[in-house]
């Protein structure tokens, strides 16, 4: 059912010694063909659908046994999850900044003198979150390799060689 926690069996484990399951993931939606859309805890939706044969429910014993970060996933998936988390935090800061600005404008209309230190503090926090998000996106671009270039030397077509 949507909202359940599940563990996923990765398609390619590095070796027998690596964990057989990674997760937990949250089921976002499902189809009638037993295929599920998964998301991380920070609401990053995995791009591919997963068959029920590769999933199992996350049980309470595991929840009690593991604390902290026990998620064995690829660096790419962890990076996308971190980007989703930082984007969510930035959205929360933006909402707080908008609310503080509205309150300041309301106070101005009523004639009450207010201090702008709270808005300044929230704005500084917003700048820090934007820098963190920008750094994570640059790391993602570097991980994906940016633009791929071939090592092959390209020659002009034969009809243009004599020109």
N, C-alpha and C. Protein backbone atom coordinates (compact mmCIF):
# COMPACT_ATOMS: atom_id res chain seq x y z
N UNK A 1 0.84 -1.18 0.00
CA UNK A 1 0.00 0.00 0.00
C UNK A 1 0.89 1.25 0.00
N UNK A 2 0.42 2.32 -0.60
CA UNK A 2 1.20 3.56 -0.56
C UNK A 2 1.45 4.01 0.88
N UNK A 3 2.69 4.40 1.14
CA UNK A 3 3.08 4.83 2.48
C UNK A 3 3.81 3.77 3.27
N UNK A 4 3.80 2.52 2.82
CA UNK A 4 4.50 1.46 3.53
C UNK A 4 6.01 1.58 3.32
N UNK A 5 6.75 1.13 4.31
CA UNK A 5 8.21 1.08 4.20
C UNK A 5 8.61 -0.29 3.67
N UNK A 6 9.51 -0.30 2.68
CA UNK A 6 9.98 -1.54 2.10
C UNK A 6 11.50 -1.50 1.94
N UNK A 7 12.08 -2.68 1.83
CA UNK A 7 13.49 -2.83 1.50
C UNK A 7 13.55 -3.32 0.06
N UNK A 8 14.60 -2.89 -0.66
CA UNK A 8 14.75 -3.22 -2.08
C UNK A 8 15.98 -4.09 -2.27
N UNK A 9 15.86 -5.09 -3.13
CA UNK A 9 17.01 -5.90 -3.50
C UNK A 9 17.67 -5.26 -4.71
N UNK A 10 18.92 -4.81 -4.58
CA UNK A 10 19.56 -4.16 -5.73
C UNK A 10 19.81 -5.15 -6.86
N UNK A 11 19.79 -4.66 -8.08
CA UNK A 11 20.01 -5.53 -9.23
C UNK A 11 21.44 -6.05 -9.28
N UNK A 12 22.39 -5.21 -8.97
CA UNK A 12 23.78 -5.64 -9.05
C UNK A 12 24.50 -5.32 -7.74
N UNK A 13 24.74 -6.35 -6.97
CA UNK A 13 25.54 -6.17 -5.76
C UNK A 13 27.00 -6.26 -6.13
N UNK A 14 27.83 -5.56 -5.41
CA UNK A 14 29.26 -5.57 -5.73
C UNK A 14 29.89 -6.93 -5.42
N UNK A 15 29.47 -7.53 -4.31
CA UNK A 15 29.98 -8.86 -3.95
C UNK A 15 28.98 -9.52 -3.01
N UNK A 16 29.27 -10.77 -2.68
CA UNK A 16 28.39 -11.49 -1.76
C UNK A 16 28.43 -10.89 -0.36
N UNK A 17 29.48 -10.17 -0.07
CA UNK A 17 29.64 -9.61 1.27
C UNK A 17 28.84 -8.33 1.48
N UNK A 18 28.40 -7.70 0.42
CA UNK A 18 27.59 -6.50 0.55
C UNK A 18 26.17 -6.88 0.96
N UNK A 19 25.47 -5.98 1.62
CA UNK A 19 24.11 -6.30 2.07
C UNK A 19 23.20 -6.67 0.90
N UNK A 20 22.30 -7.61 1.17
CA UNK A 20 21.40 -8.08 0.13
C UNK A 20 20.26 -7.09 -0.11
N UNK A 21 19.93 -6.31 0.89
CA UNK A 21 18.82 -5.37 0.80
C UNK A 21 19.30 -3.96 1.08
N UNK A 22 18.71 -2.99 0.42
CA UNK A 22 18.99 -1.60 0.78
C UNK A 22 17.66 -0.89 0.97
N UNK A 23 17.72 0.18 1.71
CA UNK A 23 16.49 0.90 2.02
C UNK A 23 16.56 1.48 3.41
N UNK A 24 15.51 1.85 4.00
CA UNK A 24 14.12 1.65 3.58
C UNK A 24 13.66 2.71 2.58
N UNK A 25 12.70 2.30 1.77
CA UNK A 25 12.07 3.20 0.82
C UNK A 25 10.59 3.28 1.16
N UNK A 26 9.95 4.32 0.67
CA UNK A 26 8.52 4.50 0.88
C UNK A 26 7.81 4.22 -0.43
N UNK A 27 6.74 3.46 -0.38
CA UNK A 27 5.96 3.19 -1.58
C UNK A 27 5.11 4.42 -1.88
N UNK A 28 5.28 4.96 -3.08
CA UNK A 28 4.53 6.15 -3.48
C UNK A 28 3.22 5.73 -4.13
N UNK A 29 3.30 4.82 -5.09
CA UNK A 29 2.09 4.32 -5.75
C UNK A 29 2.37 2.94 -6.32
N UNK A 30 1.32 2.26 -6.73
CA UNK A 30 1.47 0.92 -7.28
C UNK A 30 0.51 0.74 -8.45
N UNK A 31 0.76 -0.31 -9.22
CA UNK A 31 -0.13 -0.62 -10.33
C UNK A 31 -0.74 -2.00 -10.08
N UNK A 32 -1.67 -2.39 -10.93
CA UNK A 32 -2.32 -3.68 -10.77
C UNK A 32 -1.40 -4.83 -11.18
N UNK A 33 -0.26 -4.53 -11.77
CA UNK A 33 0.68 -5.56 -12.20
C UNK A 33 1.80 -5.77 -11.18
N UNK A 34 1.59 -5.38 -9.93
CA UNK A 34 2.56 -5.53 -8.85
C UNK A 34 3.88 -4.82 -9.13
N UNK A 35 3.78 -3.61 -9.63
CA UNK A 35 4.94 -2.76 -9.88
C UNK A 35 4.76 -1.51 -9.02
N UNK A 36 5.84 -1.09 -8.36
CA UNK A 36 5.74 -0.01 -7.38
C UNK A 36 6.70 1.13 -7.71
N UNK A 37 6.25 2.35 -7.42
CA UNK A 37 7.10 3.54 -7.49
C UNK A 37 7.61 3.80 -6.09
N UNK A 38 8.92 3.92 -5.92
CA UNK A 38 9.52 4.10 -4.61
C UNK A 38 10.10 5.50 -4.46
N UNK A 39 10.22 5.94 -3.22
CA UNK A 39 10.84 7.23 -2.91
C UNK A 39 11.69 7.06 -1.66
N UNK A 40 12.68 7.93 -1.51
CA UNK A 40 13.51 7.91 -0.31
C UNK A 40 12.78 8.68 0.80
N UNK A 41 13.38 8.71 1.95
CA UNK A 41 12.77 9.41 3.08
C UNK A 41 12.69 10.91 2.83
N UNK A 42 13.56 11.43 1.98
CA UNK A 42 13.56 12.86 1.68
C UNK A 42 12.75 13.19 0.44
N UNK A 43 11.88 12.30 0.04
CA UNK A 43 10.92 12.45 -1.06
C UNK A 43 11.56 12.49 -2.45
N UNK A 44 12.75 11.90 -2.62
CA UNK A 44 13.30 11.75 -3.96
C UNK A 44 12.71 10.49 -4.56
N UNK A 45 11.98 10.63 -5.66
CA UNK A 45 11.37 9.48 -6.31
C UNK A 45 12.38 8.78 -7.19
N UNK A 46 12.54 7.48 -7.00
CA UNK A 46 13.43 6.70 -7.84
C UNK A 46 12.87 6.68 -9.25
N UNK A 47 13.74 6.81 -10.27
CA UNK A 47 13.24 6.96 -11.64
C UNK A 47 12.61 5.71 -12.24
N UNK A 48 12.94 4.53 -11.70
CA UNK A 48 12.43 3.29 -12.28
C UNK A 48 11.41 2.65 -11.36
N UNK A 49 10.52 1.87 -11.94
CA UNK A 49 9.55 1.11 -11.17
C UNK A 49 10.20 -0.19 -10.70
N UNK A 50 9.69 -0.74 -9.59
CA UNK A 50 10.28 -1.95 -9.02
C UNK A 50 9.21 -3.02 -8.86
N UNK A 51 9.57 -4.23 -9.26
CA UNK A 51 8.67 -5.37 -9.17
C UNK A 51 8.58 -5.85 -7.73
N UNK A 52 7.44 -6.45 -7.40
CA UNK A 52 7.22 -6.92 -6.03
C UNK A 52 8.20 -8.03 -5.67
N UNK A 53 8.74 -8.75 -6.66
CA UNK A 53 9.68 -9.82 -6.39
C UNK A 53 10.99 -9.28 -5.81
N UNK A 54 11.30 -8.01 -6.05
CA UNK A 54 12.53 -7.41 -5.54
C UNK A 54 12.31 -6.59 -4.28
N UNK A 55 11.12 -6.64 -3.70
CA UNK A 55 10.80 -5.85 -2.51
C UNK A 55 10.37 -6.75 -1.36
N UNK A 56 10.59 -6.28 -0.16
CA UNK A 56 10.02 -6.93 1.02
C UNK A 56 9.69 -5.85 2.04
N UNK A 57 8.74 -6.16 2.90
CA UNK A 57 8.32 -5.18 3.91
C UNK A 57 9.43 -4.95 4.93
N UNK A 58 9.51 -3.74 5.38
CA UNK A 58 10.43 -3.34 6.43
C UNK A 58 9.75 -3.62 7.75
N UNK A 59 10.33 -4.49 8.59
CA UNK A 59 9.63 -4.89 9.81
C UNK A 59 10.12 -4.11 11.03
N UNK A 60 9.39 -4.26 12.12
CA UNK A 60 9.67 -3.50 13.33
C UNK A 60 10.99 -3.92 13.97
N UNK A 61 11.36 -5.20 13.84
CA UNK A 61 12.62 -5.67 14.43
C UNK A 61 13.80 -4.94 13.79
N UNK A 62 13.76 -4.76 12.48
CA UNK A 62 14.84 -4.04 11.80
C UNK A 62 14.87 -2.58 12.24
N UNK A 63 13.73 -2.02 12.44
CA UNK A 63 13.65 -0.62 12.86
C UNK A 63 14.30 -0.45 14.23
N UNK A 64 14.11 -1.41 15.12
CA UNK A 64 14.70 -1.34 16.45
C UNK A 64 16.20 -1.67 16.41
N UNK A 65 16.60 -2.57 15.51
CA UNK A 65 17.99 -3.01 15.44
C UNK A 65 18.90 -1.95 14.82
N UNK A 66 18.41 -1.28 13.79
CA UNK A 66 19.22 -0.29 13.09
C UNK A 66 18.84 1.11 13.56
N UNK A 67 19.82 1.88 13.89
CA UNK A 67 19.60 3.29 14.19
C UNK A 67 20.57 4.10 13.37
N UNK A 68 20.16 5.28 13.00
CA UNK A 68 21.02 6.13 12.19
C UNK A 68 20.96 5.76 10.72
N UNK A 69 22.06 5.92 10.03
CA UNK A 69 22.11 5.70 8.59
C UNK A 69 22.66 4.31 8.30
N UNK A 70 21.78 3.36 7.96
CA UNK A 70 22.22 2.03 7.60
C UNK A 70 21.92 1.74 6.14
N UNK A 71 21.67 2.77 5.40
CA UNK A 71 21.24 2.67 4.03
C UNK A 71 22.42 2.39 3.13
N UNK A 72 22.45 1.22 2.50
CA UNK A 72 23.54 0.87 1.59
C UNK A 72 23.05 1.08 0.17
N UNK A 73 23.28 2.26 -0.35
CA UNK A 73 22.83 2.60 -1.69
C UNK A 73 24.01 3.17 -2.47
N UNK A 74 23.79 3.35 -3.76
CA UNK A 74 24.86 3.91 -4.60
C UNK A 74 25.10 5.37 -4.23
N UNK A 75 26.28 5.84 -4.56
CA UNK A 75 26.60 7.24 -4.29
C UNK A 75 25.68 8.18 -5.04
N UNK A 76 25.29 7.79 -6.25
CA UNK A 76 24.39 8.62 -7.06
C UNK A 76 23.03 8.77 -6.37
N UNK A 77 22.49 7.65 -5.87
CA UNK A 77 21.19 7.70 -5.20
C UNK A 77 21.28 8.49 -3.90
N UNK A 78 22.37 8.33 -3.16
CA UNK A 78 22.54 9.10 -1.93
C UNK A 78 22.65 10.59 -2.23
N UNK A 79 23.32 10.91 -3.34
CA UNK A 79 23.46 12.32 -3.71
C UNK A 79 22.11 12.92 -4.10
N UNK A 80 21.32 12.19 -4.87
CA UNK A 80 19.99 12.68 -5.25
C UNK A 80 19.10 12.84 -4.01
N UNK A 81 19.23 11.92 -3.07
CA UNK A 81 18.47 12.02 -1.83
C UNK A 81 18.89 13.26 -1.05
N UNK A 82 20.20 13.53 -1.01
CA UNK A 82 20.70 14.73 -0.32
C UNK A 82 20.21 16.00 -0.99
N UNK A 83 20.18 16.01 -2.33
CA UNK A 83 19.67 17.18 -3.05
C UNK A 83 18.20 17.40 -2.73
N UNK A 84 17.42 16.32 -2.69
CA UNK A 84 15.99 16.44 -2.35
C UNK A 84 15.81 16.98 -0.94
N UNK A 85 16.65 16.52 -0.01
CA UNK A 85 16.56 17.00 1.38
C UNK A 85 16.90 18.48 1.46
N UNK A 86 17.98 18.89 0.79
CA UNK A 86 18.38 20.29 0.83
C UNK A 86 17.37 21.19 0.14
N UNK A 87 16.75 20.69 -0.93
CA UNK A 87 15.70 21.46 -1.60
C UNK A 87 14.50 21.64 -0.68
N UNK A 88 14.16 20.60 0.05
CA UNK A 88 13.05 20.69 1.01
C UNK A 88 13.36 21.68 2.12
N UNK A 89 14.60 21.64 2.64
CA UNK A 89 15.00 22.59 3.68
C UNK A 89 14.98 24.02 3.16
N UNK A 90 15.42 24.22 1.91
CA UNK A 90 15.40 25.55 1.31
C UNK A 90 13.96 26.05 1.16
N UNK A 91 13.06 25.17 0.76
CA UNK A 91 11.64 25.56 0.65
C UNK A 91 11.08 25.97 2.01
N UNK A 92 11.45 25.25 3.07
CA UNK A 92 10.99 25.61 4.41
C UNK A 92 11.52 26.99 4.82
N UNK A 93 12.78 27.26 4.51
CA UNK A 93 13.36 28.57 4.84
C UNK A 93 12.65 29.67 4.05
N UNK A 94 12.36 29.41 2.78
CA UNK A 94 11.64 30.40 1.95
C UNK A 94 10.26 30.70 2.52
N UNK A 95 9.59 29.69 3.02
CA UNK A 95 8.26 29.89 3.63
C UNK A 95 8.38 30.73 4.89
N UNK A 96 9.40 30.44 5.72
CA UNK A 96 9.60 31.24 6.93
C UNK A 96 9.94 32.68 6.59
N UNK A 97 10.76 32.89 5.56
CA UNK A 97 11.12 34.24 5.14
C UNK A 97 9.89 35.00 4.63
N UNK A 98 9.06 34.34 3.86
CA UNK A 98 7.84 35.00 3.36
C UNK A 98 6.91 35.37 4.50
N UNK A 99 6.79 34.48 5.48
CA UNK A 99 5.92 34.76 6.63
C UNK A 99 6.46 35.92 7.46
N UNK A 100 7.78 35.96 7.67
CA UNK A 100 8.38 37.06 8.43
C UNK A 100 8.22 38.38 7.68
N UNK A 101 8.34 38.35 6.35
CA UNK A 101 8.16 39.56 5.56
C UNK A 101 6.72 40.04 5.62
N UNK A 102 5.77 39.10 5.53
CA UNK A 102 4.35 39.48 5.64
C UNK A 102 4.06 40.11 7.01
N UNK A 103 4.62 39.52 8.05
CA UNK A 103 4.41 40.05 9.40
C UNK A 103 5.00 41.45 9.53
N UNK A 104 6.18 41.66 8.94
CA UNK A 104 6.81 42.98 8.98
C UNK A 104 5.95 44.01 8.25
N UNK A 105 5.42 43.64 7.09
CA UNK A 105 4.56 44.57 6.34
C UNK A 105 3.27 44.87 7.11
N UNK A 106 2.74 43.84 7.77
CA UNK A 106 1.52 44.04 8.57
C UNK A 106 1.81 45.00 9.72
N UNK A 107 2.98 44.83 10.35
CA UNK A 107 3.35 45.73 11.44
C UNK A 107 3.54 47.16 10.95
N UNK A 108 4.09 47.33 9.75
CA UNK A 108 4.26 48.66 9.18
C UNK A 108 2.90 49.32 8.93
N UNK A 109 1.94 48.54 8.47
CA UNK A 109 0.61 49.10 8.20
C UNK A 109 -0.06 49.57 9.49
N UNK A 110 0.17 48.84 10.57
CA UNK A 110 -0.46 49.20 11.84
C UNK A 110 0.34 50.27 12.59
N UNK A 111 1.54 50.60 12.11
CA UNK A 111 2.33 51.64 12.74
C UNK A 111 3.24 51.15 13.84
N UNK A 112 3.40 49.86 14.00
CA UNK A 112 4.28 49.30 15.03
C UNK A 112 5.70 49.22 14.47
N UNK A 113 6.66 49.69 15.27
CA UNK A 113 8.07 49.61 14.85
C UNK A 113 8.57 48.20 15.10
N UNK A 114 9.19 47.61 14.10
CA UNK A 114 9.73 46.25 14.25
C UNK A 114 11.19 46.23 13.85
N UNK A 115 11.87 45.21 14.34
CA UNK A 115 13.29 45.04 14.04
C UNK A 115 13.42 44.07 12.87
N UNK A 116 14.37 44.34 12.00
CA UNK A 116 14.57 43.51 10.82
C UNK A 116 15.61 42.41 11.04
N UNK A 117 16.04 42.20 12.26
CA UNK A 117 17.07 41.20 12.52
C UNK A 117 16.60 39.79 12.20
N UNK A 118 15.34 39.49 12.47
CA UNK A 118 14.83 38.14 12.17
C UNK A 118 14.85 37.88 10.67
N UNK A 119 14.42 38.87 9.88
CA UNK A 119 14.43 38.72 8.42
C UNK A 119 15.86 38.58 7.92
N UNK A 120 16.78 39.32 8.49
CA UNK A 120 18.19 39.23 8.10
C UNK A 120 18.76 37.85 8.43
N UNK A 121 18.42 37.34 9.61
CA UNK A 121 18.90 36.02 10.02
C UNK A 121 18.35 34.93 9.10
N UNK A 122 17.08 34.99 8.76
CA UNK A 122 16.47 34.01 7.87
C UNK A 122 17.07 34.11 6.47
N UNK A 123 17.35 35.32 6.02
CA UNK A 123 17.95 35.52 4.70
C UNK A 123 19.35 34.92 4.63
N UNK A 124 20.13 35.07 5.72
CA UNK A 124 21.47 34.46 5.78
C UNK A 124 21.36 32.94 5.72
N UNK A 125 20.40 32.39 6.44
CA UNK A 125 20.17 30.95 6.41
C UNK A 125 19.78 30.50 5.00
N UNK A 126 18.98 31.31 4.33
CA UNK A 126 18.57 31.00 2.96
C UNK A 126 19.79 30.97 2.03
N UNK A 127 20.69 31.93 2.18
CA UNK A 127 21.92 31.96 1.35
C UNK A 127 22.77 30.72 1.57
N UNK A 128 22.91 30.30 2.83
CA UNK A 128 23.69 29.10 3.14
C UNK A 128 23.06 27.86 2.49
N UNK A 129 21.75 27.73 2.59
CA UNK A 129 21.05 26.57 1.99
C UNK A 129 21.20 26.58 0.48
N UNK A 130 21.12 27.77 -0.14
CA UNK A 130 21.29 27.86 -1.59
C UNK A 130 22.70 27.46 -2.00
N UNK A 131 23.71 27.84 -1.22
CA UNK A 131 25.09 27.46 -1.52
C UNK A 131 25.28 25.95 -1.38
N UNK A 132 24.70 25.36 -0.34
CA UNK A 132 24.79 23.91 -0.16
C UNK A 132 24.13 23.17 -1.31
N UNK A 133 22.96 23.65 -1.72
CA UNK A 133 22.24 23.03 -2.82
C UNK A 133 23.01 23.17 -4.13
N UNK A 134 23.60 24.33 -4.35
CA UNK A 134 24.39 24.55 -5.57
C UNK A 134 25.60 23.61 -5.59
N UNK A 135 26.25 23.44 -4.44
CA UNK A 135 27.41 22.55 -4.36
C UNK A 135 27.00 21.10 -4.62
N UNK A 136 25.86 20.69 -4.09
CA UNK A 136 25.39 19.32 -4.31
C UNK A 136 25.04 19.09 -5.78
N UNK A 137 24.46 20.09 -6.42
CA UNK A 137 24.13 19.94 -7.84
C UNK A 137 25.39 19.90 -8.70
N UNK A 138 26.41 20.67 -8.33
CA UNK A 138 27.68 20.61 -9.06
C UNK A 138 28.34 19.25 -8.87
N UNK A 139 28.23 18.71 -7.66
CA UNK A 139 28.77 17.38 -7.40
C UNK A 139 28.03 16.34 -8.22
N UNK A 140 26.72 16.50 -8.35
CA UNK A 140 25.93 15.58 -9.17
C UNK A 140 26.34 15.66 -10.63
N UNK A 141 26.56 16.87 -11.12
CA UNK A 141 26.99 17.02 -12.51
C UNK A 141 28.37 16.41 -12.72
N UNK A 142 29.26 16.55 -11.75
CA UNK A 142 30.59 15.96 -11.86
C UNK A 142 30.53 14.44 -11.81
N UNK A 143 29.60 13.92 -10.99
CA UNK A 143 29.44 12.47 -10.87
C UNK A 143 28.91 11.88 -12.16
N UNK A 144 28.02 12.60 -12.82
CA UNK A 144 27.45 12.12 -14.08
C UNK A 144 28.41 12.34 -15.24
N UNK A 145 29.44 13.11 -15.04
CA UNK A 145 30.45 13.29 -16.07
C UNK A 145 30.25 14.50 -16.95
N UNK A 146 29.20 15.26 -16.73
CA UNK A 146 28.96 16.45 -17.55
C UNK A 146 28.77 16.05 -19.00
N UNK A 147 29.45 16.72 -19.89
CA UNK A 147 29.35 16.38 -21.31
C UNK A 147 30.39 15.34 -21.65
N UNK A 148 29.98 14.35 -22.38
CA UNK A 148 30.89 13.28 -22.77
C UNK A 148 31.56 13.65 -24.07
N UNK A 149 32.85 13.45 -24.12
CA UNK A 149 33.58 13.70 -25.35
C UNK A 149 34.30 12.42 -25.75
N UNK A 150 34.39 12.21 -27.01
CA UNK A 150 35.03 11.01 -27.53
C UNK A 150 36.53 11.25 -27.66
N UNK A 151 37.29 10.20 -27.46
CA UNK A 151 38.74 10.29 -27.62
C UNK A 151 39.13 10.14 -29.09
N UNK A 152 38.18 9.77 -29.92
CA UNK A 152 38.44 9.55 -31.34
C UNK A 152 38.69 10.87 -32.05
N UNK A 153 39.71 10.91 -32.90
CA UNK A 153 40.01 12.10 -33.69
C UNK A 153 39.06 12.12 -34.87
N UNK A 154 38.35 13.21 -35.03
CA UNK A 154 37.38 13.30 -36.12
C UNK A 154 38.02 13.94 -37.34
N UNK A 155 37.79 13.31 -38.46
CA UNK A 155 38.32 13.83 -39.72
C UNK A 155 37.18 14.44 -40.52
N UNK A 156 37.52 15.38 -41.33
CA UNK A 156 36.53 15.99 -42.21
C UNK A 156 36.15 14.97 -43.28
N UNK A 157 34.92 15.04 -43.82
CA UNK A 157 34.54 14.15 -44.90
C UNK A 157 35.49 14.30 -46.09
N UNK A 158 35.59 13.25 -46.88
CA UNK A 158 36.53 13.20 -48.00
C UNK A 158 36.31 14.37 -48.96
N UNK A 159 35.08 14.73 -49.23
CA UNK A 159 34.80 15.80 -50.20
C UNK A 159 35.31 17.15 -49.75
N UNK A 160 35.60 17.33 -48.43
CA UNK A 160 36.08 18.62 -47.94
C UNK A 160 37.59 18.63 -47.69
N UNK A 161 38.27 17.50 -47.86
CA UNK A 161 39.70 17.44 -47.53
C UNK A 161 40.55 18.30 -48.45
N UNK A 162 40.20 18.43 -49.72
CA UNK A 162 41.03 19.16 -50.67
C UNK A 162 40.83 20.66 -50.57
N UNK A 163 39.83 21.13 -49.92
CA UNK A 163 39.55 22.56 -49.87
C UNK A 163 40.44 23.27 -48.96
